[in-house]
Amino acid sequence: MENDRRTRLTPDERRAQLVALGVAFLADNPLVQLTIDDLSARAGVSRGLLFHYFGSKQGLHREVVRTARDAMLHATEPVDGLPPLDRLHDTLERIVAFVREHSGTFYSLV
């Protein structure tokens, strides 16, 4: 018999999981297509739980966009200690690399 038990997550872990699923959704879809129903089905949780964590569809979208934005800013943060021109070159290279690696998410946000 297969073990069909779900792992119980803490509230912070569940919220992070839901946001991560939302960010992953952006890789292939525009933000406007991310719905409470779709995300709750993907996560295997009730719609009410998403409303509990985010308050509304707009609240969910805000957290997904904030998380995707923060990931991009972290990945492209300028390196301290480089001369200004080298710092600019390095930052631009990392921005281009980020966009190439996460093009769907980037285009969904932009």
Protein backbone atom coordinates (compact mmCIF):
# COMPACT_ATOMS: atom_id res chain seq x y z
CA MET A 1 0.00 0.00 0.00
CA GLU A 2 1.31 3.41 -1.00
CA ASN A 3 2.05 6.01 1.66
CA ASP A 4 -0.45 8.77 0.84
CA ARG A 5 0.20 10.98 3.87
CA ARG A 6 0.96 14.62 3.30
CA THR A 7 3.81 16.35 5.02
CA ARG A 8 2.54 18.88 7.51
CA LEU A 9 4.22 22.24 6.98
CA THR A 10 4.54 25.11 9.42
CA PRO A 11 2.57 28.22 8.46
CA ASP A 12 5.78 29.93 7.26
CA GLU A 13 6.78 26.89 5.20
CA ARG A 14 3.30 26.60 3.66
CA ARG A 15 3.23 30.31 2.78
CA ALA A 16 6.71 30.05 1.23
CA GLN A 17 5.59 26.97 -0.73
CA LEU A 18 2.57 28.82 -2.10
CA VAL A 19 4.64 31.84 -3.12
CA ALA A 20 7.25 29.57 -4.75
CA LEU A 21 4.52 27.81 -6.74
CA GLY A 22 3.24 31.22 -7.82
CA VAL A 23 6.70 32.34 -8.95
CA ALA A 24 7.18 29.05 -10.83
CA PHE A 25 3.83 29.65 -12.56
CA LEU A 26 5.24 32.89 -14.00
CA ALA A 27 7.85 30.97 -15.99
CA ASP A 28 5.16 29.93 -18.48
CA ASN A 29 2.22 32.23 -17.81
CA PRO A 30 1.45 35.91 -17.31
CA LEU A 31 0.66 37.03 -13.78
CA VAL A 32 -2.98 37.84 -14.64
CA GLN A 33 -3.59 34.12 -15.26
CA LEU A 34 -2.52 33.13 -11.73
CA THR A 35 -5.73 32.48 -9.81
CA ILE A 36 -6.53 31.37 -6.29
CA ASP A 37 -8.27 28.29 -7.71
CA ASP A 38 -5.31 27.28 -9.86
CA LEU A 39 -2.73 27.79 -7.14
CA SER A 40 -4.78 25.97 -4.50
CA ALA A 41 -5.16 23.01 -6.88
CA ARG A 42 -1.42 22.96 -7.64
CA ALA A 43 -0.59 23.05 -3.93
CA GLY A 44 -3.31 20.61 -2.90
CA VAL A 45 -4.77 23.03 -0.36
CA SER A 46 -8.11 24.76 0.06
CA ARG A 47 -8.89 28.12 -1.50
CA GLY A 48 -9.60 29.39 2.01
CA LEU A 49 -5.99 28.76 3.02
CA LEU A 50 -4.75 31.05 0.25
CA PHE A 51 -7.17 33.76 1.36
CA HIS A 52 -5.93 33.24 4.93
CA TYR A 53 -2.30 33.84 3.86
CA PHE A 54 -2.78 36.53 1.20
CA GLY A 55 -6.20 38.09 1.78
CA SER A 56 -7.06 38.32 -1.90
CA LYS A 57 -5.91 37.51 -5.41
CA GLN A 58 -4.17 40.89 -5.47
CA GLY A 59 -2.40 40.07 -2.20
CA LEU A 60 -1.20 36.79 -3.72
CA HIS A 61 0.02 38.58 -6.85
CA ARG A 62 1.80 41.19 -4.74
CA GLU A 63 3.75 38.52 -2.82
CA VAL A 64 4.62 36.56 -5.97
CA VAL A 65 5.89 39.70 -7.71
CA ARG A 66 7.79 40.82 -4.60
CA THR A 67 9.51 37.44 -4.32
CA ALA A 68 10.42 37.30 -8.02
CA ARG A 69 11.69 40.88 -7.86
CA ASP A 70 13.80 40.16 -4.79
CA ALA A 71 15.32 37.09 -6.46
CA MET A 72 16.30 39.18 -9.48
CA LEU A 73 17.74 41.99 -7.34
CA HIS A 74 19.73 39.53 -5.24
CA ALA A 75 21.09 37.73 -8.33
CA THR A 76 22.13 40.98 -9.96
CA GLU A 77 23.36 42.95 -6.94
CA PRO A 78 26.52 44.91 -7.76
CA VAL A 79 29.75 43.45 -6.40
CA ASP A 80 31.48 45.74 -3.92
CA GLY A 81 35.14 46.44 -4.44
CA LEU A 82 35.17 46.44 -8.24
CA PRO A 83 36.20 49.59 -10.10
CA PRO A 84 33.11 51.43 -11.38
CA LEU A 85 33.37 50.32 -15.03
CA ASP A 86 34.09 46.69 -14.07
CA ARG A 87 31.23 46.81 -11.59
CA LEU A 88 28.85 48.05 -14.29
CA HIS A 89 30.04 45.39 -16.75
CA ASP A 90 29.70 42.61 -14.16
CA THR A 91 26.22 43.75 -13.12
CA LEU A 92 25.01 43.96 -16.73
CA GLU A 93 26.36 40.47 -17.45
CA ARG A 94 24.52 39.08 -14.44
CA ILE A 95 21.29 40.84 -15.44
CA VAL A 96 21.48 39.33 -18.92
CA ALA A 97 22.26 35.90 -17.45
CA PHE A 98 19.31 36.18 -15.07
CA VAL A 99 16.95 37.14 -17.90
CA ARG A 100 18.21 34.23 -20.03
CA GLU A 101 17.81 31.73 -17.19
CA HIS A 102 14.43 33.07 -16.04
CA SER A 103 13.07 34.58 -19.25
CA GLY A 104 9.47 33.48 -18.71
CA THR A 105 9.32 34.93 -15.23
CA PHE A 106 11.10 38.12 -16.30
CA TYR A 107 8.74 38.71 -19.24
CA SER A 108 5.69 37.94 -17.10
CA LEU A 109 6.76 40.64 -14.67
CA VAL A 110 7.82 43.20 -17.22
